[in-house]
PDB file of all heavy atoms in Angstrom:
ATOM      1  N   THR A   1      88.350  46.147 133.082  1.00  0.00           N
ATOM      2  CA  THR A   1      87.605  46.130 131.800  1.00  0.00           C
ATOM      3  C   THR A   1      86.149  46.500 132.052  1.00  0.00           C
ATOM      4  O   THR A   1      85.518  47.313 131.337  1.00  0.00           O
ATOM      5  CB  THR A   1      87.673  44.791 131.087  1.00  0.00           C
ATOM      6  OG1 THR A   1      89.042  44.528 130.844  1.00  0.00           O
ATOM      7  CG2 THR A   1      86.937  44.811 129.734  1.00  0.00           C
ATOM      8  N   ASP A   2      85.505  45.859 133.068  1.00  0.00           N
ATOM      9  CA  ASP A   2      84.113  46.134 133.423  1.00  0.00           C
ATOM     10  C   ASP A   2      83.935  47.570 133.819  1.00  0.00           C
ATOM     11  O   ASP A   2      82.961  48.250 133.474  1.00  0.00           O
ATOM     12  CB  ASP A   2      83.655  45.189 134.511  1.00  0.00           C
ATOM     13  CG  ASP A   2      83.619  43.720 134.013  1.00  0.00           C
ATOM     14  OD1 ASP A   2      83.637  43.477 132.786  1.00  0.00           O
ATOM     15  OD2 ASP A   2      83.517  42.858 134.906  1.00  0.00           O
ATOM     16  N   VAL A   3      84.858  48.029 134.707  1.00  0.00           N
ATOM     17  CA  VAL A   3      84.708  49.422 135.188  1.00  0.00           C
ATOM     18  C   VAL A   3      84.839  50.410 134.020  1.00  0.00           C
ATOM     19  O   VAL A   3      84.040  51.314 133.864  1.00  0.00           O
ATOM     20  CB  VAL A   3      85.788  49.704 136.250  1.00  0.00           C
ATOM     21  CG1 VAL A   3      85.765  51.218 136.627  1.00  0.00           C
ATOM     22  CG2 VAL A   3      85.540  48.883 137.542  1.00  0.00           C
ATOM     23  N   ASN A   4      85.834  50.190 133.130  1.00  0.00           N
ATOM     24  CA  ASN A   4      86.096  51.102 132.055  1.00  0.00           C
ATOM     25  C   ASN A   4      84.863  51.150 131.133  1.00  0.00           C
ATOM     26  O   ASN A   4      84.410  52.192 130.718  1.00  0.00           O
ATOM     27  CB  ASN A   4      87.318  50.681 131.279  1.00  0.00           C
ATOM     28  CG  ASN A   4      87.761  51.686 130.277  1.00  0.00           C
ATOM     29  OD1 ASN A   4      87.770  52.886 130.606  1.00  0.00           O
ATOM     30  ND2 ASN A   4      88.200  51.273 129.115  1.00  0.00           N
ATOM     31  N   ASN A   5      84.288  49.937 130.797  1.00  0.00           N
ATOM     32  CA  ASN A   5      83.164  49.905 129.888  1.00  0.00           C
ATOM     33  C   ASN A   5      81.920  50.533 130.554  1.00  0.00           C
ATOM     34  O   ASN A   5      81.095  51.232 129.899  1.00  0.00           O
ATOM     35  CB  ASN A   5      82.839  48.455 129.495  1.00  0.00           C
ATOM     36  CG  ASN A   5      83.919  47.916 128.579  1.00  0.00           C
ATOM     37  OD1 ASN A   5      84.642  48.673 127.901  1.00  0.00           O
ATOM     38  ND2 ASN A   5      84.045  46.585 128.545  1.00  0.00           N
ATOM     39  N   GLY A   6      81.754  50.297 131.849  1.00  0.00           N
ATOM     40  CA  GLY A   6      80.604  50.838 132.580  1.00  0.00           C
ATOM     41  C   GLY A   6      80.648  52.370 132.593  1.00  0.00           C
ATOM     42  O   GLY A   6      79.630  53.042 132.437  1.00  0.00           O
ATOM     43  N   LEU A   7      81.852  52.912 132.890  1.00  0.00           N
ATOM     44  CA  LEU A   7      81.992  54.373 132.918  1.00  0.00           C
ATOM     45  C   LEU A   7      81.808  55.024 131.555  1.00  0.00           C
ATOM     46  O   LEU A   7      81.104  56.055 131.423  1.00  0.00           O
ATOM     47  CB  LEU A   7      83.341  54.769 133.438  1.00  0.00           C
ATOM     48  CG  LEU A   7      83.657  54.478 134.936  1.00  0.00           C
ATOM     49  CD1 LEU A   7      85.113  54.726 135.311  1.00  0.00           C
ATOM     50  CD2 LEU A   7      82.758  55.261 135.854  1.00  0.00           C
ATOM     51  N   ARG A   8      82.228  54.350 130.484  1.00  0.00           N
ATOM     52  CA  ARG A   8      82.064  54.900 129.116  1.00  0.00           C
ATOM     53  C   ARG A   8      80.615  54.917 128.753  1.00  0.00           C
ATOM     54  O   ARG A   8      80.181  55.779 127.958  1.00  0.00           O
ATOM     55  CB  ARG A   8      82.841  54.011 128.157  1.00  0.00           C
ATOM     56  CG  ARG A   8      84.307  54.300 128.167  1.00  0.00           C
ATOM     57  CD  ARG A   8      85.021  53.382 127.089  1.00  0.00           C
ATOM     58  NE  ARG A   8      86.422  53.681 126.961  1.00  0.00           N
ATOM     59  CZ  ARG A   8      87.271  53.057 126.154  1.00  0.00           C
ATOM     60  NH1 ARG A   8      86.807  52.097 125.366  1.00  0.00           N
ATOM     61  NH2 ARG A   8      88.541  53.381 126.143  1.00  0.00           N
ATOM     62  N   ALA A   9      79.798  53.949 129.299  1.00  0.00           N
ATOM     63  CA  ALA A   9      78.380  53.834 128.876  1.00  0.00           C
ATOM     64  C   ALA A   9      77.514  54.827 129.636  1.00  0.00           C
ATOM     65  O   ALA A   9      76.319  54.982 129.254  1.00  0.00           O
ATOM     66  CB  ALA A   9      77.930  52.446 129.146  1.00  0.00           C
ATOM     67  N   LEU A  10      78.023  55.554 130.587  1.00  0.00           N
ATOM     68  CA  LEU A  10      77.197  56.504 131.323  1.00  0.00           C
ATOM     69  C   LEU A  10      76.787  57.710 130.501  1.00  0.00           C
ATOM     70  O   LEU A  10      77.563  58.159 129.688  1.00  0.00           O
ATOM     71  CB  LEU A  10      77.946  57.033 132.574  1.00  0.00           C
ATOM     72  CG  LEU A  10      78.191  56.062 133.745  1.00  0.00           C
ATOM     73  CD1 LEU A  10      79.073  56.708 134.775  1.00  0.00           C
ATOM     74  CD2 LEU A  10      76.796  55.667 134.330  1.00  0.00           C
ATOM     75  N   PRO A  11      75.545  58.144 130.641  1.00  0.00           N
ATOM     76  CA  PRO A  11      75.106  59.385 129.895  1.00  0.00           C
ATOM     77  C   PRO A  11      75.948  60.582 130.309  1.00  0.00           C
ATOM     78  O   PRO A  11      76.258  60.724 131.477  1.00  0.00           O
ATOM     79  CB  PRO A  11      73.644  59.551 130.267  1.00  0.00           C
ATOM     80  CG  PRO A  11      73.457  58.792 131.588  1.00  0.00           C
ATOM     81  CD  PRO A  11      74.507  57.628 131.490  1.00  0.00           C
ATOM     82  N   GLY A  12      76.360  61.386 129.343  1.00  0.00           N
ATOM     83  CA  GLY A  12      77.120  62.556 129.633  1.00  0.00           C
ATOM     84  C   GLY A  12      78.624  62.318 129.661  1.00  0.00           C
ATOM     85  O   GLY A  12      79.418  63.313 129.800  1.00  0.00           O
ATOM     86  N   VAL A  13      79.109  61.067 129.459  1.00  0.00           N
ATOM     87  CA  VAL A  13      80.518  60.748 129.476  1.00  0.00           C
ATOM     88  C   VAL A  13      80.995  60.754 128.003  1.00  0.00           C
ATOM     89  O   VAL A  13      80.473  60.090 127.189  1.00  0.00           O
ATOM     90  CB  VAL A  13      80.813  59.404 130.143  1.00  0.00           C
ATOM     91  CG1 VAL A  13      82.255  59.037 129.916  1.00  0.00           C
ATOM     92  CG2 VAL A  13      80.519  59.449 131.585  1.00  0.00           C
ATOM     93  N   HIS A  14      81.993  61.559 127.742  1.00  0.00           N
ATOM     94  CA  HIS A  14      82.621  61.615 126.402  1.00  0.00           C
ATOM     95  C   HIS A  14      83.661  60.551 126.148  1.00  0.00           C
ATOM     96  O   HIS A  14      83.691  59.891 125.138  1.00  0.00           O
ATOM     97  CB  HIS A  14      83.239  62.975 126.210  1.00  0.00           C
ATOM     98  CG  HIS A  14      83.957  63.148 124.875  1.00  0.00           C
ATOM     99  ND1 HIS A  14      85.315  62.975 124.713  1.00  0.00           N
ATOM    100  CD2 HIS A  14      83.443  63.453 123.671  1.00  0.00           C
ATOM    101  CE1 HIS A  14      85.636  63.177 123.462  1.00  0.00           C
ATOM    102  NE2 HIS A  14      84.526  63.467 122.790  1.00  0.00           N
ATOM    103  N   SER A  15      84.518  60.333 127.186  1.00  0.00           N
ATOM    104  CA  SER A  15      85.516  59.293 127.073  1.00  0.00           C
ATOM    105  C   SER A  15      85.954  58.829 128.470  1.00  0.00           C
ATOM    106  O   SER A  15      85.790  59.547 129.468  1.00  0.00           O
ATOM    107  CB  SER A  15      86.731  59.797 126.271  1.00  0.00           C
ATOM    108  OG  SER A  15      87.365  60.867 127.005  1.00  0.00           O
ATOM    109  N   CYS A  16      86.549  57.674 128.487  1.00  0.00           N
ATOM    110  CA  CYS A  16      87.126  57.132 129.747  1.00  0.00           C
ATOM    111  C   CYS A  16      88.364  56.327 129.435  1.00  0.00           C
ATOM    112  O   CYS A  16      88.364  55.483 128.521  1.00  0.00           O
ATOM    113  CB  CYS A  16      86.078  56.251 130.472  1.00  0.00           C
ATOM    114  SG  CYS A  16      86.730  55.457 131.962  1.00  0.00           S
ATOM    115  N   ASN A  17      89.474  56.592 130.179  1.00  0.00           N
ATOM    116  CA  ASN A  17      90.712  55.929 129.866  1.00  0.00           C
ATOM    117  C   ASN A  17      91.399  55.561 131.178  1.00  0.00           C
ATOM    118  O   ASN A  17      91.534  56.412 132.107  1.00  0.00           O
ATOM    119  CB  ASN A  17      91.694  56.882 129.104  1.00  0.00           C
ATOM    120  CG  ASN A  17      91.176  57.186 127.728  1.00  0.00           C
ATOM    121  OD1 ASN A  17      91.090  56.363 126.894  1.00  0.00           O
ATOM    122  ND2 ASN A  17      90.771  58.447 127.543  1.00  0.00           N
ATOM    123  N   PRO A  18      91.720  54.264 131.379  1.00  0.00           N
ATOM    124  CA  PRO A  18      92.445  53.818 132.557  1.00  0.00           C
ATOM    125  C   PRO A  18      93.839  54.502 132.601  1.00  0.00           C
ATOM    126  O   PRO A  18      94.536  54.594 131.601  1.00  0.00           O
ATOM    127  CB  PRO A  18      92.553  52.342 132.391  1.00  0.00           C
ATOM    128  CG  PRO A  18      91.536  51.984 131.361  1.00  0.00           C
ATOM    129  CD  PRO A  18      91.441  53.154 130.440  1.00  0.00           C
ATOM    130  N   LEU A  19      94.210  54.958 133.788  1.00  0.00           N
ATOM    131  CA  LEU A  19      95.548  55.581 133.941  1.00  0.00           C
ATOM    132  C   LEU A  19      96.522  54.703 134.612  1.00  0.00           C
ATOM    133  O   LEU A  19      97.686  55.090 134.884  1.00  0.00           O
ATOM    134  CB  LEU A  19      95.377  56.872 134.744  1.00  0.00           C
ATOM    135  CG  LEU A  19      94.480  57.980 134.164  1.00  0.00           C
ATOM    136  CD1 LEU A  19      94.388  59.166 135.094  1.00  0.00           C
ATOM    137  CD2 LEU A  19      95.019  58.414 132.837  1.00  0.00           C
ATOM    138  N   GLY A  20      96.111  53.469 134.919  1.00  0.00           N
ATOM    139  CA  GLY A  20      97.029  52.537 135.521  1.00  0.00           C
ATOM    140  C   GLY A  20      96.578  52.084 136.901  1.00  0.00           C
ATOM    141  O   GLY A  20      95.711  52.648 137.564  1.00  0.00           O
ATOM    142  N   GLU A  21      97.228  51.019 137.379  1.00  0.00           N
ATOM    143  CA  GLU A  21      96.936  50.444 138.700  1.00  0.00           C
ATOM    144  C   GLU A  21      97.647  51.261 139.770  1.00  0.00           C
ATOM    145  O   GLU A  21      98.858  51.418 139.739  1.00  0.00           O
ATOM    146  CB  GLU A  21      97.312  48.954 138.778  1.00  0.00           C
ATOM    147  CG  GLU A  21      96.803  48.225 140.011  1.00  0.00           C
ATOM    148  CD  GLU A  21      97.115  46.775 139.954  1.00  0.00           C
ATOM    149  OE1 GLU A  21      97.988  46.345 139.219  1.00  0.00           O
ATOM    150  OE2 GLU A  21      96.413  45.993 140.675  1.00  0.00           O
ATOM    151  N   ARG A  22      96.884  51.795 140.723  1.00  0.00           N
ATOM    152  CA  ARG A  22      97.459  52.591 141.811  1.00  0.00           C
ATOM    153  C   ARG A  22      97.788  51.798 143.061  1.00  0.00           C
ATOM    154  O   ARG A  22      98.672  52.131 143.837  1.00  0.00           O
ATOM    155  CB  ARG A  22      96.568  53.780 142.132  1.00  0.00           C
ATOM    156  CG  ARG A  22      96.240  54.695 140.984  1.00  0.00           C
ATOM    157  CD  ARG A  22      97.502  55.268 140.435  1.00  0.00           C
ATOM    158  NE  ARG A  22      97.301  56.251 139.385  1.00  0.00           N
ATOM    159  CZ  ARG A  22      97.929  56.301 138.253  1.00  0.00           C
ATOM    160  NH1 ARG A  22      98.727  55.297 137.932  1.00  0.00           N
ATOM    161  NH2 ARG A  22      97.663  57.231 137.325  1.00  0.00           N
ATOM    162  N   GLU A  23      97.020  50.780 143.297  1.00  0.00           N
ATOM    163  CA  GLU A  23      97.293  49.785 144.379  1.00  0.00           C
ATOM    164  C   GLU A  23      96.627  48.462 143.917  1.00  0.00           C
ATOM    165  O   GLU A  23      95.885  48.434 142.921  1.00  0.00           O
ATOM    166  CB  GLU A  23      96.769  50.276 145.693  1.00  0.00           C
ATOM    167  CG  GLU A  23      95.322  50.714 145.719  1.00  0.00           C
ATOM    168  CD  GLU A  23      94.973  51.429 147.006  1.00  0.00           C
ATOM    169  OE1 GLU A  23      94.794  50.671 148.007  1.00  0.00           O
ATOM    170  OE2 GLU A  23      94.838  52.667 147.028  1.00  0.00           O
ATOM    171  N   LYS A  24      96.824  47.432 144.637  1.00  0.00           N
ATOM    172  CA  LYS A  24      96.401  46.102 144.159  1.00  0.00           C
ATOM    173  C   LYS A  24      94.880  46.121 143.942  1.00  0.00           C
ATOM    174  O   LYS A  24      94.113  46.316 144.848  1.00  0.00           O
ATOM    175  CB  LYS A  24      96.763  45.037 145.184  1.00  0.00           C
ATOM    176  CG  LYS A  24      96.486  43.629 144.709  1.00  0.00           C
ATOM    177  CD  LYS A  24      97.034  42.602 145.712  1.00  0.00           C
ATOM    178  CE  LYS A  24      96.709  41.178 145.240  1.00  0.00           C
ATOM    179  NZ  LYS A  24      97.232  40.835 143.917  1.00  0.00           N
ATOM    180  N   GLY A  25      94.507  45.857 142.706  1.00  0.00           N
ATOM    181  CA  GLY A  25      93.087  45.761 142.324  1.00  0.00           C
ATOM    182  C   GLY A  25      92.394  47.143 142.170  1.00  0.00           C
ATOM    183  O   GLY A  25      91.178  47.227 141.935  1.00  0.00           O
ATOM    184  N   VAL A  26      93.136  48.233 142.329  1.00  0.00           N
ATOM    185  CA  VAL A  26      92.572  49.544 142.266  1.00  0.00           C
ATOM    186  C   VAL A  26      93.196  50.352 141.092  1.00  0.00           C
ATOM    187  O   VAL A  26      94.423  50.499 141.049  1.00  0.00           O
ATOM    188  CB  VAL A  26      92.809  50.353 143.591  1.00  0.00           C
ATOM    189  CG1 VAL A  26      92.258  51.763 143.461  1.00  0.00           C
ATOM    190  CG2 VAL A  26      92.192  49.637 144.729  1.00  0.00           C
ATOM    191  N   PHE A  27      92.330  50.764 140.157  1.00  0.00           N
ATOM    192  CA  PHE A  27      92.820  51.509 139.001  1.00  0.00           C
ATOM    193  C   PHE A  27      92.264  52.913 139.014  1.00  0.00           C
ATOM    194  O   PHE A  27      91.155  53.193 139.579  1.00  0.00           O
ATOM    195  CB  PHE A  27      92.317  50.778 137.722  1.00  0.00           C
ATOM    196  CG  PHE A  27      93.098  49.587 137.396  1.00  0.00           C
ATOM    197  CD1 PHE A  27      92.892  48.379 138.068  1.00  0.00           C
ATOM    198  CD2 PHE A  27      94.086  49.585 136.404  1.00  0.00           C
ATOM    199  CE1 PHE A  27      93.597  47.230 137.741  1.00  0.00           C
ATOM    200  CE2 PHE A  27      94.813  48.423 136.066  1.00  0.00           C
ATOM    201  CZ  PHE A  27      94.573  47.239 136.725  1.00  0.00           C
ATOM    202  N   GLU A  28      93.036  53.788 138.426  1.00  0.00           N
ATOM    203  CA  GLU A  28      92.519  55.137 138.296  1.00  0.00           C
ATOM    204  C   GLU A  28      92.085  55.436 136.830  1.00  0.00           C
ATOM    205  O   GLU A  28      92.774  54.972 135.903  1.00  0.00           O
ATOM    206  CB  GLU A  28      93.639  56.180 138.655  1.00  0.00           C
ATOM    207  CG  GLU A  28      93.103  57.629 138.788  1.00  0.00           C
ATOM    208  CD  GLU A  28      94.141  58.534 139.511  1.00  0.00           C
ATOM    209  OE1 GLU A  28      94.409  58.240 140.666  1.00  0.00           O
ATOM    210  OE2 GLU A  28      94.619  59.428 138.847  1.00  0.00           O
ATOM    211  N   TYR A  29      90.995  56.174 136.643  1.00  0.00           N
ATOM    212  CA  TYR A  29      90.433  56.404 135.291  1.00  0.00           C
ATOM    213  C   TYR A  29      90.295  57.901 135.119  1.00  0.00           C
ATOM    214  O   TYR A  29      89.796  58.600 136.062  1.00  0.00           O
ATOM    215  CB  TYR A  29      89.042  55.705 135.176  1.00  0.00           C
ATOM    216  CG  TYR A  29      89.080  54.248 135.470  1.00  0.00           C
ATOM    217  CD1 TYR A  29      88.998  53.801 136.838  1.00  0.00           C
ATOM    218  CD2 TYR A  29      89.177  53.279 134.489  1.00  0.00           C
ATOM    219  CE1 TYR A  29      89.029  52.432 137.104  1.00  0.00           C
ATOM    220  CE2 TYR A  29      89.195  51.922 134.799  1.00  0.00           C
ATOM    221  CZ  TYR A  29      89.145  51.520 136.085  1.00  0.00           C
ATOM    222  OH  TYR A  29      89.176  50.131 136.412  1.00  0.00           O
ATOM    223  N   LEU A  30      90.621  58.353 133.922  1.00  0.00           N
ATOM    224  CA  LEU A  30      90.313  59.706 133.534  1.00  0.00           C
ATOM    225  C   LEU A  30      89.024  59.757 132.772  1.00  0.00           C
ATOM    226  O   LEU A  30      88.925  59.216 131.658  1.00  0.00           O
ATOM    227  CB  LEU A  30      91.447  60.292 132.648  1.00  0.00           C
ATOM    228  CG  LEU A  30      91.196  61.728 132.142  1.00  0.00           C
ATOM    229  CD1 LEU A  30      91.101  62.730 133.289  1.00  0.00           C
ATOM    230  CD2 LEU A  30      92.343  62.161 131.207  1.00  0.00           C
ATOM    231  N   VAL A  31      88.019  60.336 133.344  1.00  0.00           N
ATOM    232  CA  VAL A  31      86.634  60.362 132.780  1.00  0.00           C
ATOM    233  C   VAL A  31      86.356  61.819 132.342  1.00  0.00           C
ATOM    234  O   VAL A  31      86.333  62.706 133.113  1.00  0.00           O
ATOM    235  CB  VAL A  31      85.591  59.909 133.820  1.00  0.00           C
ATOM    236  CG1 VAL A  31      84.246  59.732 133.116  1.00  0.00           C
ATOM    237  CG2 VAL A  31      86.010  58.656 134.480  1.00  0.00           C
ATOM    238  N   GLU A  32      86.204  61.940 131.006  1.00  0.00           N
ATOM    239  CA  GLU A  32      85.891  63.248 130.406  1.00  0.00           C
ATOM    240  C   GLU A  32      84.437  63.416 130.130  1.00  0.00           C
ATOM    241  O   GLU A  32      83.813  62.601 129.477  1.00  0.00           O
ATOM    242  CB  GLU A  32      86.683  63.420 129.099  1.00  0.00           C
ATOM    243  CG  GLU A  32      88.173  63.377 129.189  1.00  0.00           C
ATOM    244  CD  GLU A  32      88.757  64.701 129.540  1.00  0.00           C
ATOM    245  OE1 GLU A  32      87.986  65.676 129.653  1.00  0.00           O
ATOM    246  OE2 GLU A  32      89.971  64.794 129.760  1.00  0.00           O
ATOM    247  N   PRO A  33      83.793  64.467 130.637  1.00  0.00           N
ATOM    248  CA  PRO A  33      82.372  64.652 130.370  1.00  0.00           C
ATOM    249  C   PRO A  33      82.117  65.314 129.004  1.00  0.00           C
ATOM    250  O   PRO A  33      83.053  65.854 128.408  1.00  0.00           O
ATOM    251  CB  PRO A  33      81.946  65.660 131.518  1.00  0.00           C
ATOM    252  CG  PRO A  33      83.204  66.457 131.782  1.00  0.00           C
ATOM    253  CD  PRO A  33      84.406  65.492 131.499  1.00  0.00           C
ATOM    254  N   GLU A  34      80.926  65.257 128.537  1.00  0.00           N
ATOM    255  CA  GLU A  34      80.521  65.966 127.381  1.00  0.00           C
ATOM    256  C   GLU A  34      80.173  67.398 127.767  1.00  0.00           C
ATOM    257  O   GLU A  34      79.199  67.571 128.493  1.00  0.00           O
ATOM    258  CB  GLU A  34      79.325  65.274 126.692  1.00  0.00           C
ATOM    259  CG  GLU A  34      79.663  63.879 126.102  1.00  0.00           C
ATOM    260  CD  GLU A  34      78.468  63.247 125.507  1.00  0.00           C
ATOM    261  OE1 GLU A  34      77.309  63.775 125.676  1.00  0.00           O
ATOM    262  OE2 GLU A  34      78.590  62.201 124.871  1.00  0.00           O
ATOM    263  N   GLY A  35      80.898  68.342 127.246  1.00  0.00           N
ATOM    264  CA  GLY A  35      80.675  69.774 127.570  1.00  0.00           C
ATOM    265  C   GLY A  35      80.746  69.991 129.068  1.00  0.00           C
ATOM    266  O   GLY A  35      81.756  69.613 129.710  1.00  0.00           O
ATOM    267  N   ALA A  36      79.759  70.609 129.651  1.00  0.00           N
ATOM    268  CA  ALA A  36      79.761  70.931 131.063  1.00  0.00           C
ATOM    269  C   ALA A  36      78.913  69.968 131.903  1.00  0.00           C
ATOM    270  O   ALA A  36      78.528  70.298 133.021  1.00  0.00           O
ATOM    271  CB  ALA A  36      79.178  72.388 131.241  1.00  0.00           C
ATOM    272  N   ALA A  37      78.729  68.773 131.406  1.00  0.00           N
ATOM    273  CA  ALA A  37      77.868  67.798 132.091  1.00  0.00           C
ATOM    274  C   ALA A  37      78.504  67.396 133.448  1.00  0.00           C
ATOM    275  O   ALA A  37      79.726  67.228 133.569  1.00  0.00           O
ATOM    276  CB  ALA A  37      77.707  66.545 131.268  1.00  0.00           C
ATOM    277  N   ASP A  38      77.690  67.324 134.502  1.00  0.00           N
ATOM    278  CA  ASP A  38      78.112  66.890 135.838  1.00  0.00           C
ATOM    279  C   ASP A  38      77.836  65.422 135.969  1.00  0.00           C
ATOM    280  O   ASP A  38      76.713  64.969 136.063  1.00  0.00           O
ATOM    281  CB  ASP A  38      77.336  67.721 136.859  1.00  0.00           C
ATOM    282  CG  ASP A  38      77.892  67.427 138.270  1.00  0.00           C
ATOM    283  OD1 ASP A  38      78.694  66.530 138.455  1.00  0.00           O
ATOM    284  OD2 ASP A  38      77.502  68.175 139.223  1.00  0.00           O
ATOM    285  N   ILE A  39      78.898  64.657 135.922  1.00  0.00           N
ATOM    286  CA  ILE A  39      78.729  63.177 135.873  1.00  0.00           C
ATOM    287  C   ILE A  39      79.068  62.496 137.223  1.00  0.00           C
ATOM    288  O   ILE A  39      79.096  61.284 137.280  1.00  0.00           O
ATOM    289  CB  ILE A  39      79.632  62.601 134.779  1.00  0.00           C
ATOM    290  CG1 ILE A  39      81.102  62.980 134.956  1.00  0.00           C
ATOM    291  CG2 ILE A  39      79.147  62.990 133.395  1.00  0.00           C
ATOM    292  CD1 ILE A  39      82.076  62.405 133.998  1.00  0.00           C
ATOM    293  N   ARG A  40      79.362  63.270 138.240  1.00  0.00           N
ATOM    294  CA  ARG A  40      79.750  62.720 139.497  1.00  0.00           C
ATOM    295  C   ARG A  40      78.749  61.757 140.142  1.00  0.00           C
ATOM    296  O   ARG A  40      79.072  60.717 140.629  1.00  0.00           O
ATOM    297  CB  ARG A  40      80.123  63.828 140.461  1.00  0.00           C
ATOM    298  CG  ARG A  40      81.353  64.688 140.049  1.00  0.00           C
ATOM    299  CD  ARG A  40      81.541  65.868 140.913  1.00  0.00           C
ATOM    300  NE  ARG A  40      80.344  66.791 140.850  1.00  0.00           N
ATOM    301  CZ  ARG A  40      80.151  67.812 141.645  1.00  0.00           C
ATOM    302  NH1 ARG A  40      81.065  68.087 142.601  1.00  0.00           N
ATOM    303  NH2 ARG A  40      79.051  68.588 141.499  1.00  0.00           N
ATOM    304  N   ARG A  41      77.488  62.195 140.165  1.00  0.00           N
ATOM    305  CA  ARG A  41      76.443  61.435 140.777  1.00  0.00           C
ATOM    306  C   ARG A  41      76.150  60.112 140.016  1.00  0.00           C
ATOM    307  O   ARG A  41      75.978  59.048 140.641  1.00  0.00           O
ATOM    308  CB  ARG A  41      75.143  62.245 140.941  1.00  0.00           C
ATOM    309  CG  ARG A  41      75.294  63.332 141.950  1.00  0.00           C
ATOM    310  CD  ARG A  41      74.104  64.283 141.865  1.00  0.00           C
ATOM    311  NE  ARG A  41      74.222  65.415 142.836  1.00  0.00           N
ATOM    312  CZ  ARG A  41      74.959  66.469 142.568  1.00  0.00           C
ATOM    313  NH1 ARG A  41      75.630  66.584 141.450  1.00  0.00           N
ATOM    314  NH2 ARG A  41      75.057  67.489 143.503  1.00  0.00           N
ATOM    315  N   ASP A  42      76.254  60.202 138.703  1.00  0.00           N
ATOM    316  CA  ASP A  42      76.103  58.978 137.911  1.00  0.00           C
ATOM    317  C   ASP A  42      77.178  57.959 138.181  1.00  0.00           C
ATOM    318  O   ASP A  42      76.936  56.753 138.219  1.00  0.00           O
ATOM    319  CB  ASP A  42      75.987  59.304 136.389  1.00  0.00           C
ATOM    320  CG  ASP A  42      74.723  60.058 136.044  1.00  0.00           C
ATOM    321  OD1 ASP A  42      73.716  59.883 136.762  1.00  0.00           O
ATOM    322  OD2 ASP A  42      74.741  60.849 135.083  1.00  0.00           O
ATOM    323  N   ILE A  43      78.423  58.465 138.306  1.00  0.00           N
ATOM    324  CA  ILE A  43      79.491  57.530 138.610  1.00  0.00           C
ATOM    325  C   ILE A  43      79.332  56.925 139.964  1.00  0.00           C
ATOM    326  O   ILE A  43      79.552  55.696 140.163  1.00  0.00           O
ATOM    327  CB  ILE A  43      80.879  58.316 138.599  1.00  0.00           C
ATOM    328  CG1 ILE A  43      81.253  58.743 137.175  1.00  0.00           C
ATOM    329  CG2 ILE A  43      81.999  57.521 139.186  1.00  0.00           C
ATOM    330  CD1 ILE A  43      82.436  59.673 137.067  1.00  0.00           C
ATOM    331  N   PHE A  44      78.872  57.700 140.957  1.00  0.00           N
ATOM    332  CA  PHE A  44      78.561  57.192 142.269  1.00  0.00           C
ATOM    333  C   PHE A  44      77.558  56.059 142.263  1.00  0.00           C
ATOM    334  O   PHE A  44      77.697  55.031 142.855  1.00  0.00           O
ATOM    335  CB  PHE A  44      78.143  58.289 143.206  1.00  0.00           C
ATOM    336  CG  PHE A  44      77.611  57.778 144.605  1.00  0.00           C
ATOM    337  CD1 PHE A  44      78.497  57.403 145.574  1.00  0.00           C
ATOM    338  CD2 PHE A  44      76.249  57.679 144.788  1.00  0.00           C
ATOM    339  CE1 PHE A  44      78.040  56.954 146.785  1.00  0.00           C
ATOM    340  CE2 PHE A  44      75.788  57.197 145.946  1.00  0.00           C
ATOM    341  CZ  PHE A  44      76.690  56.811 147.013  1.00  0.00           C
TER     342      PHE A  44
END
């Protein structure tokens, strides 16, 4: 929940959706940017 909300709140992020638990305590998220925004560094 914290990760999903934190990613959604980043500037340049249009949407964020959890894709499920891939291993114990590790979830994968599909993060969609707004237009051509480069959001990699902000996520890091």
